[in-house]
Amino acid sequence: MTPQERRVVLAASAGAVFEWYDFFLYGSLTPVIAQNFFSNVHPTAAYIFALLAFAAGFAVRPFGALLFGRLGDLSGRKFTFLLTILIMGLSTFFIGLLPNFAAIGFAAPVLLTLLRMAQGLALGGEYGGAALFVGESAPHGRRGYYTSFIQLTASGGLLLALLVTLGFRALVGEEDFAVYGWRFPFLASFLLLAASVWMRLRLNESPAYQRIKRAGRASAAPIAEAFGVWRHGRLALLALFGATAGQAVVWYTGQFYALFFLTQTLRLDSTTASLLMAGALALAAPLFTIFGALSDRIGRKPVILGGCLLAAALYFPIFHGLAQAVNPALAQATARAPARVIADPKNCDFQFDPVEAKAFVSSCDIAKNFLASAGVSYANVAAAPGTLAKIAIGDREIASFEGTGLNEAARAAQRAALERQVGDALAAAGYPARADPAKVNVLATLALLTALIGLVAMTYGPIAALLVELFPTRIRYTALSTPYHIGNGWFGGLLPPLAFALTAASGDIYSGLWYPVAVAALTFVVGLAFLPETRNRDITAGD
């Protein structure tokens, strides 16, 4: 790399690491966020609400892509690049100052969700700016390698978020961290914001954008041109369904859902889980640039689609392996004394109820809700119509209770009694309340997590180069950003709450994987059949 190219890559990558750090702080602290901002509901519902607030940031990312993509094509990459990082950084800082539910009531979760949405809007414009700055400055034949550093920043941001969080946990202790210490990682982001803005101010405008601006060929209506003209709109659809949708679910499964699976399903403490994930991220980091460089040699499609195909084939065995490596006692107890909910199917509602409309008052709902919140995998067994639901742990059966018609106090008392009985039965059957860190197979867990992130690197490493090469310079910011953020914001960002819903509904701790497996397989088929190879394209052609 020339000195100027190194400066561009460093400034774009460092700023992107910071933005991803901001965005992922929330994800890594979701349980603590749930306790502070959704403390008025049952802990299971609180966690779901916290996941939905997290998903809100992803949901608005495509709108940020349209807003800032248009601005970037009209006014330039550098100005938009600076604006997005300011919005992102300030939103994160203000989350650290936000009073919790105990202090200001329902205003706390509302303001939290609004700040998450501001983060999502900013991130919708950030990625396109970073990818374009590097992609339009990279020499022909090295674009996959150069832009892979941008792709590495997402995992770098998550790694930084995990390490900073672990540092503050150790500094203030777990109890104080849950009360006030969680704010420090958010507040510390202000220092990173200042450094990122300083680096970006020193950059010049993208040479490709300068060229079309001098020639008077910049688009006057980039949104209409990008999606209202069929040849461009068709490419955006192919980019979405043939590349970014699959890449997105692979990314979020390999990093976010894996962390959720460790802590919420396998009951591993958050510190150990974060250390294991941080170790895997560090081990797999070089793979992003390796696969980016490989795509310069053999093409973008073989690498990206190969990652999607491998993910669809390997997710179930990898996650089964994680269960055996992280919490063998849970896996053994599940096999030795399987749990079942024996109930009239007509009396059972869908377990995912984010607005608590049903309150889980039927005997079946109460039984399922308890097992799901305890992280216990269970089978559904049909009973005769009108039968009171039962929870079976091995050979022992425990009757649930019908909560319809009971007031809150009576329902809470009965639920507490049921939880004690089922908890005793689970303990007698060998179900652990938490994973024992001393029994975790660290090497096997690291290997499996590194394999998951290796799949992320395959699909994610070359994606920026592919998107830069698909679209002409005059509409590239808008056309690139929108399919990327629909894929990552909607297909990927909705994975955690949707996977939680599928798992809670079926009782199978692995059923949430069907969603990423299906989307990755769809992307492989569409991409293989219709997506053009872009490796040797001249990105200045047609300018």
Protein backbone atom coordinates (compact mmCIF):
# COMPACT_ATOMS: atom_id res chain seq x y z
CA MET A 1 0.00 0.00 0.00
CA THR A 2 1.11 3.56 -0.64
CA PRO A 3 1.14 5.97 2.35
CA GLN A 4 -2.05 7.62 1.10
CA GLU A 5 -3.79 4.24 0.69
CA ARG A 6 -2.74 3.23 4.21
CA ARG A 7 -4.14 6.49 5.60
CA VAL A 8 -7.47 5.89 3.86
CA VAL A 9 -7.70 2.29 5.05
CA LEU A 10 -6.67 3.21 8.61
CA ALA A 11 -9.05 6.16 8.96
CA ALA A 12 -12.00 4.30 7.44
CA SER A 13 -11.31 1.14 9.42
CA ALA A 14 -10.65 2.85 12.77
CA GLY A 15 -13.81 4.91 12.48
CA ALA A 16 -15.80 1.84 11.51
CA VAL A 17 -14.42 -0.12 14.49
CA PHE A 18 -15.65 2.67 16.73
CA GLU A 19 -19.12 2.72 15.14
CA TRP A 20 -19.46 -1.05 15.46
CA TYR A 21 -18.21 -0.82 19.05
CA ASP A 22 -21.01 1.63 19.77
CA PHE A 23 -23.58 -0.55 18.10
CA PHE A 24 -22.46 -3.81 19.72
CA LEU A 25 -22.16 -2.50 23.26
CA TYR A 26 -25.90 -2.86 23.54
CA GLY A 27 -25.84 -6.41 22.20
CA SER A 28 -23.15 -7.55 24.63
CA LEU A 29 -24.99 -5.91 27.55
CA THR A 30 -28.55 -6.96 26.69
CA PRO A 31 -29.20 -8.80 30.00
CA VAL A 32 -28.08 -5.74 32.01
CA ILE A 33 -30.09 -3.41 29.75
CA ALA A 34 -33.16 -5.60 30.36
CA GLN A 35 -32.74 -5.28 34.14
CA ASN A 36 -32.38 -1.50 34.04
CA PHE A 37 -34.88 -0.42 31.40
CA PHE A 38 -37.56 -3.14 31.43
CA SER A 39 -37.66 -3.94 35.14
CA ASN A 40 -41.46 -3.64 35.29
CA VAL A 41 -42.10 -7.04 33.63
CA HIS A 42 -41.12 -10.67 34.14
CA PRO A 43 -37.38 -11.25 33.44
CA THR A 44 -38.14 -13.37 30.37
CA ALA A 45 -40.37 -10.67 28.90
CA ALA A 46 -37.79 -8.03 29.88
CA TYR A 47 -35.14 -9.87 27.89
CA ILE A 48 -37.45 -10.08 24.89
CA PHE A 49 -38.21 -6.35 25.13
CA ALA A 50 -34.49 -5.61 25.29
CA LEU A 51 -33.93 -7.75 22.19
CA LEU A 52 -36.69 -5.88 20.39
CA ALA A 53 -35.12 -2.51 21.27
CA PHE A 54 -31.87 -3.94 19.90
CA ALA A 55 -33.72 -5.04 16.76
CA ALA A 56 -35.19 -1.52 16.37
CA GLY A 57 -31.71 -0.27 15.56
CA PHE A 58 -31.42 -2.85 12.81
CA ALA A 59 -34.92 -2.19 11.48
CA VAL A 60 -34.16 1.46 10.65
CA ARG A 61 -30.78 0.78 9.03
CA PRO A 62 -32.21 0.59 5.47
CA PHE A 63 -33.81 4.02 5.98
CA GLY A 64 -30.44 5.35 7.11
CA ALA A 65 -28.94 3.81 3.99
CA LEU A 66 -31.43 5.70 1.79
CA LEU A 67 -31.02 8.96 3.71
CA PHE A 68 -27.24 9.03 3.96
CA GLY A 69 -26.68 7.15 0.70
CA ARG A 70 -28.52 9.89 -1.16
CA LEU A 71 -26.57 12.53 0.76
CA GLY A 72 -23.29 10.79 -0.04
CA ASP A 73 -24.06 10.66 -3.76
CA LEU A 74 -25.21 14.31 -3.80
CA SER A 75 -22.73 15.98 -1.43
CA GLY A 76 -19.77 13.65 -1.26
CA ARG A 77 -18.46 10.71 0.73
CA LYS A 78 -16.39 12.67 3.27
CA PHE A 79 -19.16 14.95 4.60
CA THR A 80 -21.57 12.03 5.02
CA PHE A 81 -18.83 9.92 6.52
CA LEU A 82 -18.27 12.54 9.26
CA LEU A 83 -21.96 13.14 9.93
CA THR A 84 -22.78 9.47 10.52
CA ILE A 85 -19.98 8.97 13.03
CA LEU A 86 -21.06 12.06 15.00
CA ILE A 87 -24.66 10.83 15.24
CA MET A 88 -23.54 7.35 16.20
CA GLY A 89 -21.07 8.51 18.83
CA LEU A 90 -23.38 11.00 20.51
CA SER A 91 -26.26 8.50 20.61
CA THR A 92 -24.03 5.99 22.37
CA PHE A 93 -22.79 8.59 24.84
CA PHE A 94 -26.35 9.60 25.73
CA ILE A 95 -27.34 5.96 26.37
CA GLY A 96 -24.68 6.02 29.09
CA LEU A 97 -26.42 9.03 30.68
CA LEU A 98 -29.99 7.77 30.32
CA PRO A 99 -31.94 7.28 33.60
CA ASN A 100 -33.37 3.79 34.09
CA PHE A 101 -36.98 2.64 34.54
CA ALA A 102 -36.86 3.05 38.32
CA ALA A 103 -35.99 6.73 37.87
CA ILE A 104 -38.28 7.93 35.07
CA GLY A 105 -40.66 5.05 34.35
CA PHE A 106 -41.80 4.27 30.81
CA ALA A 107 -39.87 7.23 29.41
CA ALA A 108 -36.66 5.23 29.95
CA PRO A 109 -37.36 2.39 27.46
CA VAL A 110 -38.90 4.86 25.00
CA LEU A 111 -35.79 7.09 25.02
CA LEU A 112 -33.55 4.03 24.85
CA THR A 113 -35.35 2.78 21.76
CA LEU A 114 -35.14 6.21 20.11
CA LEU A 115 -31.38 6.34 20.71
CA ARG A 116 -31.05 2.82 19.32
CA MET A 117 -32.91 3.98 16.22
CA ALA A 118 -30.57 6.96 15.86
CA GLN A 119 -27.65 4.53 16.04
CA GLY A 120 -29.26 2.39 13.36
CA LEU A 121 -29.85 5.35 11.05
CA ALA A 122 -26.23 6.44 11.40
CA LEU A 123 -24.90 2.95 10.82
CA GLY A 124 -27.04 2.79 7.69
CA GLY A 125 -24.85 5.53 6.23
CA GLU A 126 -21.55 4.59 7.86
CA TYR A 127 -20.86 1.30 6.16
CA GLY A 128 -21.39 2.62 2.65
CA GLY A 129 -19.03 5.53 3.26
CA ALA A 130 -16.27 3.33 4.65
CA ALA A 131 -16.61 0.72 1.90
CA LEU A 132 -16.64 3.35 -0.83
CA PHE A 133 -13.70 5.31 0.53
CA VAL A 134 -11.53 2.21 0.54
CA GLY A 135 -13.01 0.50 -2.52
CA GLU A 136 -12.74 3.57 -4.73
CA SER A 137 -9.14 4.16 -3.58
CA ALA A 138 -7.93 0.56 -3.96
CA PRO A 139 -5.85 -0.49 -6.98
CA HIS A 140 -7.46 -2.78 -9.55
CA GLY A 141 -6.93 -6.41 -8.62
CA ARG A 142 -6.51 -5.73 -4.88
CA ARG A 143 -9.96 -4.43 -4.02
CA GLY A 144 -11.03 -7.55 -2.15
CA TYR A 145 -7.94 -7.39 0.06
CA TYR A 146 -8.18 -3.64 0.74
CA THR A 147 -11.90 -3.64 1.58
CA SER A 148 -11.53 -6.74 3.77
CA PHE A 149 -10.05 -4.45 6.43
CA ILE A 150 -13.42 -2.66 6.54
CA GLN A 151 -15.13 -6.03 6.95
CA LEU A 152 -12.79 -6.89 9.78
CA THR A 153 -13.94 -3.80 11.68
CA ALA A 154 -17.32 -5.30 12.58
CA SER A 155 -15.70 -8.16 14.44
CA GLY A 156 -13.10 -5.72 15.77
CA GLY A 157 -15.85 -3.53 17.16
CA LEU A 158 -17.51 -6.50 18.84
CA LEU A 159 -14.15 -7.62 20.26
CA LEU A 160 -13.47 -4.11 21.59
CA ALA A 161 -16.95 -3.94 23.13
CA LEU A 162 -16.44 -7.30 24.86
CA LEU A 163 -12.97 -6.35 26.17
CA VAL A 164 -14.03 -2.93 27.46
CA THR A 165 -17.08 -4.46 29.12
CA LEU A 166 -14.96 -7.16 30.74
CA GLY A 167 -12.53 -4.51 31.97
CA PHE A 168 -15.21 -2.46 33.67
CA ARG A 169 -16.84 -5.59 35.12
CA ALA A 170 -13.52 -6.48 36.74
CA LEU A 171 -12.96 -2.90 37.90
CA VAL A 172 -16.27 -2.31 39.69
CA GLY A 173 -17.47 -5.88 40.35
CA GLU A 174 -20.51 -7.70 38.97
CA GLU A 175 -23.08 -6.26 41.40
CA ASP A 176 -22.06 -2.63 40.91
CA PHE A 177 -21.64 -3.16 37.18
CA ALA A 178 -25.29 -4.25 36.90
CA VAL A 179 -26.38 -1.11 38.82
CA TYR A 180 -24.20 1.65 37.35
CA GLY A 181 -20.95 0.25 35.94
CA TRP A 182 -22.61 -0.71 32.64
CA ARG A 183 -22.73 3.02 31.82
CA PHE A 184 -18.93 3.40 31.68
CA PRO A 185 -18.37 1.58 28.34
CA PHE A 186 -20.99 3.84 26.73
CA LEU A 187 -19.49 7.00 28.20
CA ALA A 188 -15.95 5.95 27.24
CA SER A 189 -17.01 5.96 23.59
CA PHE A 190 -16.69 9.75 23.57
CA LEU A 191 -12.88 9.42 23.52
CA LEU A 192 -13.09 7.06 20.55
CA LEU A 193 -15.46 9.48 18.81
CA ALA A 194 -12.97 12.34 19.13
CA ALA A 195 -10.12 10.23 17.72
CA SER A 196 -12.26 8.97 14.81
CA VAL A 197 -13.45 12.44 13.82
CA TRP A 198 -9.86 13.74 13.88
CA MET A 199 -8.67 10.97 11.56
CA ARG A 200 -11.54 11.43 9.12
CA LEU A 201 -11.10 15.20 8.95
CA ARG A 202 -7.61 14.58 7.52
CA LEU A 203 -8.95 12.55 4.57
CA ASN A 204 -9.51 13.94 1.09
CA GLU A 205 -12.66 13.26 -0.88
CA SER A 206 -12.82 9.92 -2.73
CA PRO A 207 -10.96 10.26 -6.08
CA ALA A 208 -13.76 8.51 -7.98
CA TYR A 209 -16.35 10.94 -6.62
CA GLN A 210 -14.08 13.93 -7.33
CA ARG A 211 -13.77 12.78 -10.93
CA ILE A 212 -17.50 12.52 -11.65
CA LYS A 213 -18.18 15.76 -9.76
CA ARG A 214 -15.65 17.67 -11.90
CA ALA A 215 -17.15 16.14 -15.02
CA GLY A 216 -20.66 17.16 -13.96
CA ARG A 217 -21.83 13.53 -13.97
CA ALA A 218 -22.96 13.22 -10.34
CA SER A 219 -26.54 12.00 -10.03
CA ALA A 220 -29.24 14.59 -9.29
CA ALA A 221 -31.69 11.91 -8.05
CA PRO A 222 -29.69 8.92 -6.80
CA ILE A 223 -32.62 7.07 -5.19
CA ALA A 224 -34.76 7.26 -8.33
CA GLU A 225 -31.82 6.31 -10.53
CA ALA A 226 -30.66 3.46 -8.29
CA PHE A 227 -34.03 1.77 -7.85
CA GLY A 228 -36.28 3.29 -10.52
CA VAL A 229 -34.07 2.14 -13.38
CA TRP A 230 -34.50 -1.61 -13.86
CA ARG A 231 -30.89 -2.48 -14.68
CA HIS A 232 -29.80 -0.94 -11.38
CA GLY A 233 -32.82 -2.11 -9.35
CA ARG A 234 -32.32 -5.66 -10.59
CA LEU A 235 -28.72 -5.61 -9.38
CA ALA A 236 -29.88 -4.33 -5.97
CA LEU A 237 -32.31 -7.24 -5.67
CA LEU A 238 -29.62 -9.72 -6.66
CA ALA A 239 -27.22 -8.15 -4.18
CA LEU A 240 -29.83 -8.58 -1.45
CA PHE A 241 -31.07 -12.11 -2.09
CA GLY A 242 -27.93 -13.46 -3.74
CA ALA A 243 -25.34 -12.07 -1.30
CA THR A 244 -26.18 -9.83 1.68
CA ALA A 245 -29.15 -11.74 3.15
CA GLY A 246 -27.12 -14.91 3.55
CA GLN A 247 -24.02 -13.00 4.62
CA ALA A 248 -26.08 -11.22 7.27
CA VAL A 249 -27.55 -14.30 8.93
CA VAL A 250 -24.15 -16.00 8.89
CA TRP A 251 -22.61 -12.93 10.56
CA TYR A 252 -25.22 -12.65 13.30
CA THR A 253 -25.41 -16.38 13.94
CA GLY A 254 -21.64 -16.70 14.21
CA GLN A 255 -21.22 -13.86 16.66
CA PHE A 256 -24.39 -12.55 18.27
CA TYR A 257 -26.56 -15.64 18.33
CA ALA A 258 -23.59 -17.73 19.43
CA LEU A 259 -23.07 -15.40 22.41
CA PHE A 260 -26.80 -15.51 23.20
CA PHE A 261 -26.72 -19.33 22.98
CA LEU A 262 -23.80 -19.53 25.40
CA THR A 263 -25.31 -17.25 28.04
CA GLN A 264 -29.08 -17.71 27.78
CA THR A 265 -29.44 -21.30 26.61
CA LEU A 266 -26.33 -23.04 27.93
CA ARG A 267 -26.38 -20.85 31.09
CA LEU A 268 -22.70 -19.93 30.93
CA ASP A 269 -21.80 -16.83 32.93
CA SER A 270 -21.36 -13.69 30.81
CA THR A 271 -17.71 -13.14 31.75
CA THR A 272 -16.59 -16.61 30.66
CA ALA A 273 -18.75 -16.43 27.53
CA SER A 274 -17.30 -13.03 26.60
CA LEU A 275 -13.74 -14.24 27.12
CA LEU A 276 -14.34 -17.27 24.91
CA MET A 277 -15.95 -15.15 22.19
CA ALA A 278 -13.15 -12.58 22.40
CA GLY A 279 -10.58 -15.36 22.03
CA ALA A 280 -12.34 -16.77 18.98
CA LEU A 281 -12.63 -13.32 17.39
CA ALA A 282 -8.91 -12.74 17.87
CA LEU A 283 -8.01 -16.16 16.43
CA ALA A 284 -10.27 -15.74 13.39
CA ALA A 285 -9.43 -12.09 12.65
CA PRO A 286 -6.78 -12.83 9.96
CA LEU A 287 -9.33 -14.89 8.02
CA PHE A 288 -11.21 -11.75 6.93
CA THR A 289 -8.22 -10.42 4.97
CA ILE A 290 -7.28 -13.93 3.78
CA PHE A 291 -10.71 -14.50 2.27
CA GLY A 292 -10.78 -10.93 0.91
CA ALA A 293 -7.46 -11.54 -0.85
CA LEU A 294 -8.65 -14.96 -2.03
CA SER A 295 -11.64 -13.31 -3.69
CA ASP A 296 -9.18 -11.21 -5.73
CA ARG A 297 -7.76 -14.45 -7.11
CA ILE A 298 -10.74 -16.77 -7.60
CA GLY A 299 -13.73 -14.39 -7.52
CA ARG A 300 -16.23 -12.99 -5.05
CA LYS A 301 -18.98 -15.57 -5.65
CA PRO A 302 -17.06 -18.77 -4.82
CA VAL A 303 -15.94 -17.39 -1.47
CA ILE A 304 -19.21 -15.77 -0.36
CA LEU A 305 -21.52 -18.52 -1.59
CA GLY A 306 -19.18 -21.21 -0.31
CA GLY A 307 -19.50 -19.68 3.15
CA CYS A 308 -23.31 -19.70 2.91
CA LEU A 309 -23.38 -23.34 1.82
CA LEU A 310 -21.02 -24.44 4.59
CA ALA A 311 -23.03 -22.51 7.17
CA ALA A 312 -26.29 -24.17 6.13
CA ALA A 313 -24.62 -27.59 6.37
CA LEU A 314 -22.65 -27.10 9.59
CA TYR A 315 -24.74 -24.98 11.96
CA PHE A 316 -26.64 -27.81 13.62
CA PRO A 317 -23.57 -29.99 14.31
CA ILE A 318 -21.55 -26.97 15.51
CA PHE A 319 -24.21 -25.84 17.99
CA HIS A 320 -24.76 -29.40 19.21
CA GLY A 321 -21.01 -29.52 19.75
CA LEU A 322 -21.12 -26.26 21.72
CA ALA A 323 -23.76 -27.71 24.04
CA GLN A 324 -21.57 -30.74 24.74
CA ALA A 325 -18.42 -28.64 25.23
CA VAL A 326 -19.90 -25.82 27.34
CA ASN A 327 -22.52 -27.50 29.52
CA PRO A 328 -22.11 -31.28 29.32
CA ALA A 329 -24.25 -31.73 32.43
CA LEU A 330 -27.19 -30.05 30.66
CA ALA A 331 -26.75 -32.19 27.56
CA GLN A 332 -26.52 -35.35 29.69
CA ALA A 333 -29.56 -34.45 31.79
CA THR A 334 -31.59 -33.68 28.68
CA ALA A 335 -30.75 -37.11 27.26
CA ARG A 336 -31.23 -38.93 30.58
CA ALA A 337 -34.41 -37.22 31.77
CA PRO A 338 -36.02 -35.35 28.87
CA ALA A 339 -38.52 -32.64 29.71
CA ARG A 340 -42.01 -32.60 28.21
CA VAL A 341 -45.04 -30.37 28.33
CA ILE A 342 -48.17 -32.52 28.26
CA ALA A 343 -51.08 -30.28 27.32
CA ASP A 344 -54.10 -29.74 25.16
CA PRO A 345 -52.64 -28.04 22.02
CA LYS A 346 -55.66 -25.74 21.83
CA ASN A 347 -54.73 -24.40 25.27
CA CYS A 348 -51.19 -23.42 24.15
CA ASP A 349 -50.30 -20.03 22.74
CA PHE A 350 -47.22 -18.98 20.78
CA GLN A 351 -44.49 -18.46 23.39
CA PHE A 352 -43.20 -15.21 21.92
CA ASP A 353 -45.52 -12.48 23.18
CA PRO A 354 -43.59 -9.18 23.28
CA VAL A 355 -46.57 -7.06 24.33
CA GLU A 356 -47.63 -9.51 27.07
CA ALA A 357 -51.17 -9.54 25.69
CA LYS A 358 -51.84 -13.10 26.91
CA ALA A 359 -49.80 -12.89 30.12
CA PHE A 360 -49.33 -16.68 29.72
CA VAL A 361 -52.28 -17.47 31.98
CA SER A 362 -53.34 -20.88 30.63
CA SER A 363 -51.78 -23.91 32.29
CA CYS A 364 -49.92 -24.77 29.07
CA ASP A 365 -48.58 -21.24 28.64
CA ILE A 366 -47.37 -21.12 32.23
CA ALA A 367 -45.58 -24.46 31.89
CA LYS A 368 -43.89 -23.53 28.61
CA ASN A 369 -42.97 -20.07 29.78
CA PHE A 370 -41.16 -21.42 32.82
CA LEU A 371 -39.17 -24.05 30.90
CA ALA A 372 -38.29 -21.60 28.13
CA SER A 373 -37.09 -18.98 30.61
CA ALA A 374 -35.04 -21.66 32.42
CA GLY A 375 -33.28 -22.65 29.18
CA VAL A 376 -34.65 -26.20 29.34
CA SER A 377 -35.32 -27.98 26.06
CA TYR A 378 -38.66 -29.78 26.06
CA ALA A 379 -40.94 -31.79 23.80
CA ASN A 380 -44.63 -31.03 23.27
CA VAL A 381 -46.99 -33.95 23.99
CA ALA A 382 -50.69 -33.67 23.16
CA ALA A 383 -53.15 -34.36 25.95
CA ALA A 384 -56.92 -34.82 25.95
CA PRO A 385 -59.01 -31.68 25.36
CA GLY A 386 -59.51 -29.61 28.50
CA THR A 387 -56.76 -31.41 30.40
CA LEU A 388 -54.68 -29.39 32.85
CA ALA A 389 -51.12 -29.10 31.51
CA LYS A 390 -48.31 -31.03 33.17
CA ILE A 391 -44.54 -30.69 33.13
CA ALA A 392 -42.74 -34.03 32.96
CA ILE A 393 -39.08 -34.32 33.92
CA GLY A 394 -38.08 -37.87 33.16
CA ASP A 395 -40.65 -40.06 34.95
CA ARG A 396 -41.85 -37.32 37.30
CA GLU A 397 -44.93 -35.29 36.39
CA ILE A 398 -45.88 -31.96 37.97
CA ALA A 399 -49.28 -30.39 37.38
CA SER A 400 -49.34 -26.80 36.19
CA PHE A 401 -52.19 -24.49 37.19
CA GLU A 402 -54.84 -22.53 35.36
CA GLY A 403 -54.18 -18.82 35.80
CA THR A 404 -57.34 -17.55 34.13
CA GLY A 405 -59.43 -15.66 36.64
CA LEU A 406 -56.64 -15.33 39.20
CA ASN A 407 -55.41 -11.91 40.22
CA GLU A 408 -51.74 -11.00 39.88
CA ALA A 409 -50.86 -11.84 43.49
CA ALA A 410 -52.53 -15.26 43.40
CA ARG A 411 -50.98 -16.08 40.02
CA ALA A 412 -47.53 -15.04 41.26
CA ALA A 413 -47.87 -17.21 44.37
CA GLN A 414 -48.94 -20.27 42.35
CA ARG A 415 -46.21 -19.68 39.81
CA ALA A 416 -43.58 -19.48 42.57
CA ALA A 417 -44.82 -22.77 44.00
CA LEU A 418 -44.71 -24.41 40.56
CA GLU A 419 -41.22 -23.09 39.93
CA ARG A 420 -40.00 -24.56 43.22
CA GLN A 421 -41.45 -27.97 42.38
CA VAL A 422 -40.10 -28.02 38.84
CA GLY A 423 -36.76 -26.62 40.02
CA ASP A 424 -36.46 -29.44 42.56
CA ALA A 425 -37.34 -31.99 39.86
CA LEU A 426 -34.78 -30.55 37.47
CA ALA A 427 -32.09 -30.56 40.16
CA ALA A 428 -32.93 -34.17 41.10
CA ALA A 429 -32.64 -35.15 37.43
CA GLY A 430 -29.20 -33.54 37.18
CA TYR A 431 -30.13 -30.36 35.32
CA PRO A 432 -27.60 -27.66 36.29
CA ALA A 433 -28.86 -24.20 37.25
CA ARG A 434 -25.75 -22.72 35.59
CA ALA A 435 -22.92 -24.07 33.49
CA ASP A 436 -19.86 -24.97 35.54
CA PRO A 437 -16.88 -22.97 34.14
CA ALA A 438 -14.52 -25.63 35.47
CA LYS A 439 -16.17 -28.26 33.26
CA VAL A 440 -16.15 -26.20 30.06
CA ASN A 441 -13.99 -27.78 27.36
CA VAL A 442 -12.22 -24.54 26.52
CA LEU A 443 -10.27 -25.81 23.52
CA ALA A 444 -13.31 -27.41 21.90
CA THR A 445 -15.45 -24.34 22.55
CA LEU A 446 -12.80 -22.02 21.11
CA ALA A 447 -12.43 -24.25 18.06
CA LEU A 448 -16.18 -24.31 17.42
CA LEU A 449 -16.59 -20.55 17.94
CA THR A 450 -13.58 -19.89 15.68
CA ALA A 451 -15.17 -22.13 13.02
CA LEU A 452 -18.37 -20.05 13.25
CA ILE A 453 -16.41 -16.83 12.81
CA GLY A 454 -14.45 -18.43 9.96
CA LEU A 455 -17.78 -18.85 8.15
CA VAL A 456 -18.46 -15.18 8.90
CA ALA A 457 -15.11 -14.25 7.34
CA MET A 458 -15.89 -16.23 4.18
CA THR A 459 -19.18 -14.48 3.56
CA TYR A 460 -18.27 -11.06 4.95
CA GLY A 461 -14.65 -10.57 3.88
CA PRO A 462 -15.34 -10.04 0.13
CA ILE A 463 -18.82 -8.46 0.37
CA ALA A 464 -17.72 -4.81 0.22
CA ALA A 465 -15.66 -5.38 -2.92
CA LEU A 466 -18.60 -7.14 -4.57
CA LEU A 467 -21.01 -4.30 -3.76
CA VAL A 468 -18.60 -1.55 -4.85
CA GLU A 469 -18.09 -3.33 -8.18
CA LEU A 470 -21.79 -3.92 -8.85
CA PHE A 471 -22.86 -0.27 -9.18
CA PRO A 472 -21.69 2.86 -11.07
CA THR A 473 -19.99 5.66 -9.12
CA ARG A 474 -22.77 8.22 -9.57
CA ILE A 475 -25.28 6.15 -7.51
CA ARG A 476 -22.91 3.80 -5.71
CA TYR A 477 -23.44 5.10 -2.16
CA THR A 478 -27.21 4.72 -2.37
CA ALA A 479 -27.28 1.53 -4.43
CA LEU A 480 -24.64 -0.22 -2.30
CA SER A 481 -25.94 0.79 1.11
CA THR A 482 -29.59 -0.14 0.71
CA PRO A 483 -29.36 -3.88 -0.11
CA TYR A 484 -26.54 -4.23 2.39
CA HIS A 485 -28.59 -2.75 5.21
CA ILE A 486 -31.82 -4.49 4.29
CA GLY A 487 -29.87 -7.73 4.41
CA ASN A 488 -28.02 -6.93 7.62
CA GLY A 489 -30.68 -4.79 9.28
CA TRP A 490 -33.71 -6.96 8.58
CA PHE A 491 -32.57 -10.46 7.64
CA GLY A 492 -29.67 -10.39 10.09
CA GLY A 493 -30.82 -8.00 12.78
CA LEU A 494 -34.11 -9.79 13.39
CA LEU A 495 -32.33 -13.11 13.90
CA PRO A 496 -31.95 -12.93 17.73
CA PRO A 497 -35.61 -12.24 18.63
CA LEU A 498 -36.91 -14.50 15.86
CA ALA A 499 -34.63 -17.37 16.87
CA PHE A 500 -35.73 -16.86 20.48
CA ALA A 501 -39.36 -17.06 19.36
CA LEU A 502 -38.84 -20.27 17.38
CA THR A 503 -37.00 -21.89 20.27
CA ALA A 504 -39.64 -20.89 22.83
CA ALA A 505 -42.48 -22.07 20.59
CA SER A 506 -41.04 -25.50 19.81
CA GLY A 507 -39.20 -26.20 23.05
CA ASP A 508 -36.11 -27.28 21.09
CA ILE A 509 -33.04 -25.18 21.92
CA TYR A 510 -31.71 -25.71 18.38
CA SER A 511 -34.84 -24.79 16.43
CA GLY A 512 -33.81 -21.13 16.17
CA LEU A 513 -31.10 -22.24 13.75
CA TRP A 514 -33.65 -23.11 11.07
CA TYR A 515 -33.97 -19.43 10.18
CA PRO A 516 -30.28 -18.76 9.34
CA VAL A 517 -29.97 -22.16 7.66
CA ALA A 518 -32.94 -21.39 5.37
CA VAL A 519 -31.76 -17.87 4.48
CA ALA A 520 -28.16 -18.98 3.84
CA ALA A 521 -29.41 -21.78 1.58
CA LEU A 522 -31.67 -19.34 -0.31
CA THR A 523 -28.76 -16.97 -0.88
CA PHE A 524 -26.59 -19.81 -2.16
CA VAL A 525 -29.20 -20.82 -4.74
CA VAL A 526 -30.06 -17.28 -5.90
CA GLY A 527 -26.44 -16.14 -5.95
CA LEU A 528 -25.23 -19.20 -7.82
CA ALA A 529 -27.94 -18.87 -10.47
CA PHE A 530 -28.18 -15.11 -11.00
CA LEU A 531 -25.50 -13.01 -9.28
CA PRO A 532 -22.78 -11.77 -11.67
CA GLU A 533 -19.10 -12.19 -10.86
CA THR A 534 -17.48 -8.76 -10.41
CA ARG A 535 -13.83 -9.52 -9.65
CA ASN A 536 -12.33 -8.07 -12.86
CA ARG A 537 -14.69 -5.13 -13.31
CA ASP A 538 -13.36 -1.62 -13.93
CA ILE A 539 -15.35 0.47 -11.42
CA THR A 540 -14.72 3.65 -13.43
CA ALA A 541 -16.39 2.24 -16.56
CA GLY A 542 -19.52 4.18 -17.41
CA ASP A 543 -18.61 7.20 -15.26
